[in-house]
Amino acid sequence: MLNDDDLAVIEFLDDGTLYAAPNIIEEILNYPDLSDSFLLVSRDKYGVPTGYMPIGINLHGNIASYIPAIPPSPPISPTYTPGAENVIRDLDNLLSQSILYFDVDVVPCGYGYFDLEETASAYCLSLDDYFSELSASRRKDFKRKLKSAEKYEIEQGNMKDVLRGWNWMKAVWEKRGAYDSDHINRVLSWLYEIEASGRATMKIDKYLLDGKPIAVNCCVIHQYHGNTHIDDYLTWYDVATAPGLGIVTAIKNLTNPKYIGARYNLGLPGFYGNTFAGHQYKWDVIAEPIRLYQSIVNLQVGIQSISSLDN
């Protein structure tokens, strides 16, 4: 729970971005996958706040900051709380157990404790330019998928459609051995708080076949330091009726003429050479020549040592 001092820091450093909204910070601190969470603040020699990060202990006992992601998912958008890079600079003792994620555009390399990882993120471009980056076989496959998807109608959806769409994915998650009955509640809570912040647009596309809903895609569109970010949170679909629709929705978002030049984020499919189950399609969609990178920051300080920085 944010106290009055936390709220004063957040208000003082508020840059108008999505992850500077007090209700979003509150939601991060209150995630059920985090314990002993608090706001870690960096200050200058005069005691003036220069940045902050929500910090807690994750399920593995490691120090973690999910900015911005739904625990235990990897980050989706490379955008951060104001001055988070200053907090990182103030952490002198670094180990390798806990992982924080920073985009190279936000925290430049050179501190000596970053690992670069490719993300499934790219700047939106025209369909022709996108196809030119693909191999001949993948280009043929994706064109076929897009052609097949022309039979679907697309309507503007809402959060109720996201809730209904979870039923399509239960079987998929169970096959992966990763079914989590609380996941939908975390997703909805997170997205409702984003919506309530007033700092983002919810783009929810409902796909229909013969008038019957068969898929939903949800993106969060927001501004971050002069650039538009399109964070693709989910595509849940009826696997029996709409196979491959996750790839189709990703391509449509990445090549949407309305957002040319915006940063489209499918997220981090894996790190340290491992791909999360079911996330291979992200690598397939975002061709290697157009992939953007994220820095992974490894923290190995005890929670007491970290909390002392704020005193």
Protein backbone atom coordinates (compact mmCIF):
# COMPACT_ATOMS: atom_id res chain seq x y z
CA MET A 1 0.00 0.00 0.00
CA LEU A 2 1.34 3.41 -0.92
CA ASN A 3 1.85 5.75 2.00
CA ASP A 4 1.74 9.55 1.95
CA ASP A 5 5.51 9.82 1.38
CA ASP A 6 5.30 7.43 -1.59
CA LEU A 7 2.44 9.39 -3.10
CA ALA A 8 4.38 12.63 -2.68
CA VAL A 9 7.37 11.15 -4.56
CA ILE A 10 5.13 9.82 -7.33
CA GLU A 11 3.42 13.19 -7.70
CA PHE A 12 6.74 15.06 -7.68
CA LEU A 13 8.23 12.90 -10.46
CA ASP A 14 5.06 12.38 -12.48
CA ASP A 15 5.91 12.68 -16.18
CA GLY A 16 2.42 11.82 -17.38
CA THR A 17 3.37 8.36 -18.66
CA LEU A 18 1.32 5.26 -18.01
CA TYR A 19 3.63 3.69 -15.45
CA ALA A 20 3.79 6.89 -13.44
CA ALA A 21 0.09 6.67 -12.58
CA PRO A 22 -0.40 6.09 -8.82
CA ASN A 23 -3.06 3.41 -9.31
CA ILE A 24 -0.72 1.47 -11.61
CA ILE A 25 2.10 1.61 -9.04
CA GLU A 26 -0.36 0.45 -6.39
CA GLU A 27 -1.40 -2.46 -8.58
CA ILE A 28 2.21 -3.53 -9.11
CA LEU A 29 2.94 -3.41 -5.38
CA ASN A 30 -0.19 -5.42 -4.58
CA TYR A 31 0.43 -8.29 -7.01
CA PRO A 32 -0.15 -11.63 -5.28
CA ASP A 33 3.14 -12.90 -6.72
CA LEU A 34 5.08 -10.22 -4.80
CA SER A 35 5.57 -9.99 -1.04
CA ASP A 36 7.18 -7.37 1.20
CA SER A 37 6.77 -4.89 -1.64
CA PHE A 38 7.68 -1.24 -1.29
CA LEU A 39 8.67 1.78 -3.35
CA LEU A 40 12.44 2.07 -3.72
CA VAL A 41 13.39 5.73 -4.15
CA SER A 42 16.68 7.26 -5.28
CA ARG A 43 17.61 10.75 -4.13
CA ASP A 44 20.26 13.33 -4.86
CA LYS A 45 22.67 14.70 -2.24
CA TYR A 46 20.02 17.18 -1.14
CA GLY A 47 17.46 14.44 -0.51
CA VAL A 48 15.38 15.35 -3.54
CA PRO A 49 13.81 12.28 -5.21
CA THR A 50 15.36 11.41 -8.58
CA GLY A 51 13.52 8.18 -9.34
CA TYR A 52 11.61 5.23 -7.97
CA MET A 53 10.84 1.58 -8.62
CA PRO A 54 8.29 -0.80 -7.10
CA ILE A 55 10.26 -3.68 -5.56
CA GLY A 56 9.25 -6.92 -3.85
CA ILE A 57 10.10 -10.57 -3.26
CA ASN A 58 8.82 -12.94 -5.94
CA LEU A 59 7.66 -16.54 -5.55
CA HIS A 60 11.24 -17.82 -5.86
CA GLY A 61 12.47 -15.60 -3.05
CA ASN A 62 14.25 -13.22 -5.41
CA ILE A 63 14.08 -9.46 -5.53
CA ALA A 64 11.93 -8.46 -8.49
CA SER A 65 10.25 -5.51 -10.09
CA TYR A 66 7.59 -6.27 -12.67
CA ILE A 67 7.64 -3.12 -14.81
CA PRO A 68 5.38 -3.49 -16.60
CA ALA A 69 4.19 -7.08 -16.74
CA ILE A 70 1.69 -9.44 -15.20
CA PRO A 71 3.66 -11.64 -12.81
CA PRO A 72 5.12 -14.11 -13.45
CA SER A 73 5.18 -13.05 -17.11
CA PRO A 74 8.21 -11.37 -18.69
CA PRO A 75 7.96 -7.67 -19.49
CA ILE A 76 5.79 -6.56 -22.38
CA SER A 77 6.57 -2.89 -22.77
CA PRO A 78 10.05 -1.36 -22.38
CA THR A 79 8.70 1.60 -20.43
CA TYR A 80 9.38 2.37 -16.80
CA THR A 81 8.60 4.40 -13.76
CA PRO A 82 10.18 7.88 -13.74
CA GLY A 83 13.88 7.87 -12.90
CA ALA A 84 14.09 4.09 -12.58
CA GLU A 85 17.51 4.22 -14.21
CA ASN A 86 18.72 6.41 -11.32
CA VAL A 87 17.60 3.74 -8.86
CA ILE A 88 19.66 1.16 -10.75
CA ARG A 89 22.71 3.44 -10.68
CA ASP A 90 22.45 3.63 -6.90
CA LEU A 91 22.61 -0.13 -6.43
CA ASP A 92 26.29 -0.86 -5.93
CA ASN A 93 26.30 -4.53 -4.92
CA LEU A 94 24.98 -6.62 -7.78
CA LEU A 95 24.55 -10.38 -7.84
CA SER A 96 22.73 -12.69 -10.29
CA GLN A 97 19.61 -14.09 -8.66
CA SER A 98 16.97 -11.48 -9.37
CA ILE A 99 16.22 -9.99 -12.75
CA LEU A 100 15.04 -6.54 -13.71
CA TYR A 101 14.36 -5.62 -17.31
CA PHE A 102 15.30 -2.37 -18.97
CA ASP A 103 15.15 -1.31 -22.56
CA VAL A 104 18.44 -0.09 -24.02
CA ASP A 105 16.68 3.12 -25.08
CA VAL A 106 15.89 3.86 -21.44
CA VAL A 107 18.99 2.61 -19.63
CA PRO A 108 22.06 2.78 -21.87
CA CYS A 109 24.59 -0.02 -21.75
CA GLY A 110 27.90 0.59 -20.07
CA TYR A 111 27.19 0.07 -16.39
CA GLY A 112 28.85 -3.33 -16.62
CA TYR A 113 25.98 -5.49 -15.39
CA PHE A 114 23.65 -5.71 -18.36
CA ASP A 115 22.92 -8.64 -20.63
CA LEU A 116 21.32 -7.81 -23.97
CA GLU A 117 18.36 -9.94 -25.00
CA GLU A 118 16.34 -9.79 -28.19
CA THR A 119 12.67 -9.03 -27.75
CA ALA A 120 9.66 -9.64 -29.95
CA SER A 121 9.36 -5.91 -30.48
CA ALA A 122 9.71 -3.86 -33.65
CA TYR A 123 8.72 -0.51 -35.07
CA CYS A 124 5.47 -0.71 -37.03
CA LEU A 125 5.97 -0.71 -40.78
CA SER A 126 4.01 -1.24 -43.98
CA LEU A 127 2.94 -4.74 -44.94
CA ASP A 128 5.18 -4.70 -48.03
CA ASP A 129 8.19 -3.60 -45.98
CA TYR A 130 7.39 -6.25 -43.39
CA PHE A 131 7.21 -9.04 -45.95
CA SER A 132 10.54 -7.92 -47.39
CA GLU A 133 12.19 -8.80 -44.06
CA LEU A 134 10.87 -12.39 -44.05
CA SER A 135 12.33 -15.48 -45.65
CA ALA A 136 10.56 -16.72 -48.76
CA SER A 137 8.99 -19.67 -46.94
CA ARG A 138 7.76 -17.59 -44.01
CA ARG A 139 6.46 -14.89 -46.33
CA LYS A 140 4.43 -17.50 -48.20
CA ASP A 141 3.11 -19.00 -44.97
CA PHE A 142 2.08 -15.66 -43.50
CA LYS A 143 0.39 -14.50 -46.68
CA ARG A 144 -1.62 -17.72 -46.64
CA LYS A 145 -2.62 -17.15 -43.00
CA LEU A 146 -3.67 -13.56 -43.70
CA LYS A 147 -5.70 -14.69 -46.72
CA SER A 148 -7.43 -17.36 -44.66
CA ALA A 149 -8.25 -14.80 -41.96
CA GLU A 150 -10.24 -12.66 -44.40
CA LYS A 151 -13.28 -14.77 -43.52
CA TYR A 152 -13.33 -13.26 -40.01
CA GLU A 153 -15.18 -10.09 -39.16
CA ILE A 154 -13.58 -7.74 -36.63
CA GLU A 155 -15.60 -5.70 -34.17
CA GLN A 156 -14.57 -3.45 -31.32
CA GLY A 157 -14.62 -5.50 -28.16
CA ASN A 158 -14.50 -4.74 -24.46
CA MET A 159 -13.27 -6.23 -21.21
CA LYS A 160 -16.21 -8.62 -21.07
CA ASP A 161 -14.94 -10.15 -24.31
CA VAL A 162 -11.52 -10.59 -22.72
CA LEU A 163 -13.14 -12.43 -19.82
CA ARG A 164 -15.12 -14.68 -22.18
CA GLY A 165 -12.03 -15.36 -24.24
CA TRP A 166 -10.21 -16.93 -21.30
CA ASN A 167 -12.38 -20.03 -21.67
CA TRP A 168 -10.80 -20.69 -25.09
CA MET A 169 -7.34 -20.73 -23.61
CA LYS A 170 -7.83 -22.98 -20.60
CA ALA A 171 -7.26 -26.16 -22.58
CA VAL A 172 -4.19 -24.65 -24.26
CA TRP A 173 -2.64 -23.73 -20.93
CA GLU A 174 -3.45 -27.12 -19.47
CA LYS A 175 -1.62 -28.83 -22.35
CA ARG A 176 1.41 -26.65 -21.60
CA GLY A 177 1.22 -27.72 -17.98
CA ALA A 178 0.93 -24.07 -17.00
CA TYR A 179 -2.74 -23.64 -16.17
CA ASP A 180 -3.28 -20.99 -13.52
CA SER A 181 -6.86 -20.42 -12.41
CA ASP A 182 -5.98 -17.00 -10.99
CA HIS A 183 -4.35 -15.72 -14.16
CA ILE A 184 -7.52 -14.26 -15.63
CA ASN A 185 -8.19 -12.32 -12.43
CA ARG A 186 -4.70 -10.80 -12.49
CA VAL A 187 -5.04 -9.94 -16.18
CA LEU A 188 -8.42 -8.28 -15.73
CA SER A 189 -7.34 -6.40 -12.61
CA TRP A 190 -4.23 -5.10 -14.39
CA LEU A 191 -6.09 -4.06 -17.54
CA TYR A 192 -8.89 -2.40 -15.57
CA GLU A 193 -6.31 -0.32 -13.69
CA ILE A 194 -4.65 0.67 -16.98
CA GLU A 195 -8.03 1.72 -18.30
CA ALA A 196 -8.81 3.65 -15.10
CA SER A 197 -5.52 5.55 -15.29
CA GLY A 198 -6.76 7.50 -18.30
CA ARG A 199 -3.24 7.32 -19.74
CA ALA A 200 -3.77 4.61 -22.33
CA THR A 201 -6.17 3.42 -25.00
CA MET A 202 -7.48 -0.14 -24.85
CA LYS A 203 -7.59 -1.57 -28.36
CA ILE A 204 -9.71 -4.71 -28.09
CA ASP A 205 -10.51 -6.50 -31.34
CA LYS A 206 -13.18 -9.18 -31.31
CA TYR A 207 -12.98 -11.67 -34.17
CA LEU A 208 -16.18 -13.30 -35.39
CA LEU A 209 -16.97 -16.16 -37.77
CA ASP A 210 -20.56 -16.29 -39.05
CA GLY A 211 -21.47 -13.84 -36.32
CA LYS A 212 -19.99 -15.98 -33.54
CA PRO A 213 -17.02 -14.70 -31.49
CA ILE A 214 -13.98 -16.94 -31.90
CA ALA A 215 -11.08 -14.76 -30.70
CA VAL A 216 -10.12 -11.57 -28.88
CA ASN A 217 -6.93 -9.50 -29.15
CA CYS A 218 -6.11 -6.86 -26.54
CA CYS A 219 -3.50 -4.14 -26.97
CA VAL A 220 -2.66 -1.23 -24.68
CA ILE A 221 -1.64 1.89 -26.60
CA HIS A 222 0.15 4.65 -24.72
CA GLN A 223 2.70 7.42 -25.08
CA TYR A 224 6.18 7.20 -23.62
CA HIS A 225 8.69 10.02 -24.02
CA GLY A 226 7.39 11.09 -27.42
CA ASN A 227 6.83 7.64 -28.88
CA THR A 228 3.68 5.57 -29.24
CA HIS A 229 3.84 2.10 -27.71
CA ILE A 230 1.47 -0.69 -28.67
CA ASP A 231 1.69 -3.40 -26.02
CA ASP A 232 0.08 -6.63 -27.23
CA TYR A 233 -1.09 -8.34 -24.06
CA LEU A 234 -3.10 -11.26 -25.33
CA THR A 235 -4.75 -13.09 -28.18
CA TRP A 236 -7.12 -15.74 -26.88
CA TYR A 237 -8.88 -17.81 -29.50
CA ASP A 238 -10.85 -20.96 -30.16
CA VAL A 239 -8.08 -23.33 -31.26
CA ALA A 240 -10.56 -25.61 -33.06
CA THR A 241 -12.00 -22.78 -35.17
CA ALA A 242 -9.21 -20.23 -35.49
CA PRO A 243 -5.77 -21.87 -35.48
CA GLY A 244 -2.91 -19.48 -36.19
CA LEU A 245 -4.91 -16.40 -35.30
CA GLY A 246 -2.28 -15.28 -32.80
CA ILE A 247 0.14 -14.80 -35.68
CA VAL A 248 -2.49 -13.04 -37.78
CA THR A 249 -3.40 -10.51 -35.06
CA ALA A 250 0.29 -9.79 -34.42
CA ILE A 251 0.98 -9.12 -38.10
CA LYS A 252 -2.11 -6.92 -38.38
CA ASN A 253 -1.01 -4.86 -35.37
CA LEU A 254 2.59 -4.59 -36.53
CA THR A 255 1.58 -3.41 -40.02
CA ASN A 256 -1.40 -1.24 -39.10
CA PRO A 257 -1.06 1.88 -41.32
CA LYS A 258 -2.40 4.01 -38.46
CA TYR A 259 0.63 3.25 -36.31
CA ILE A 260 3.58 3.31 -38.72
CA GLY A 261 6.67 4.19 -36.69
CA ALA A 262 5.12 3.27 -33.33
CA ARG A 263 6.83 0.64 -31.23
CA TYR A 264 4.92 -2.65 -31.26
CA ASN A 265 5.71 -4.90 -28.31
CA LEU A 266 4.85 -8.58 -28.25
CA GLY A 267 7.12 -8.92 -25.25
CA LEU A 268 10.08 -11.03 -24.27
CA PRO A 269 9.58 -14.62 -25.51
CA GLY A 270 12.41 -15.89 -23.30
CA PHE A 271 15.87 -15.07 -22.07
CA TYR A 272 19.26 -16.71 -21.67
CA GLY A 273 18.57 -18.77 -24.79
CA ASN A 274 15.29 -20.24 -23.56
CA THR A 275 11.89 -19.66 -25.15
CA PHE A 276 8.80 -19.76 -22.95
CA ALA A 277 6.24 -22.42 -23.81
CA GLY A 278 3.93 -21.26 -26.58
CA HIS A 279 5.97 -18.13 -27.31
CA GLN A 280 7.86 -19.35 -30.38
CA TYR A 281 5.32 -17.62 -32.61
CA LYS A 282 6.64 -14.28 -31.33
CA TRP A 283 10.04 -15.03 -32.79
CA ASP A 284 8.37 -16.19 -35.99
CA VAL A 285 6.38 -12.97 -36.37
CA ILE A 286 9.15 -10.52 -35.51
CA ALA A 287 11.85 -11.24 -38.08
CA GLU A 288 15.40 -11.06 -36.74
CA PRO A 289 16.47 -8.01 -38.82
CA ILE A 290 13.77 -5.83 -37.22
CA ARG A 291 13.90 -7.09 -33.62
CA LEU A 292 14.64 -4.64 -30.85
CA TYR A 293 16.63 -5.38 -27.73
CA GLN A 294 16.19 -5.17 -24.00
CA SER A 295 18.82 -5.05 -21.29
CA ILE A 296 18.50 -7.48 -18.41
CA VAL A 297 19.78 -6.16 -15.11
CA ASN A 298 20.80 -8.77 -12.55
CA LEU A 299 20.46 -7.73 -8.92
CA GLN A 300 21.99 -9.70 -6.05
CA VAL A 301 21.57 -7.50 -3.04
CA GLY A 302 19.60 -8.48 0.00
CA ILE A 303 16.21 -6.92 0.49
CA GLN A 304 17.44 -5.13 3.62
CA SER A 305 20.35 -3.62 1.70
CA ILE A 306 18.00 -2.38 -0.99
CA SER A 307 15.49 -0.91 1.46
CA SER A 308 18.31 0.94 3.26
CA LEU A 309 18.92 3.01 0.12
CA ASP A 310 15.61 4.73 0.75
CA ASN A 311 16.56 5.80 4.26
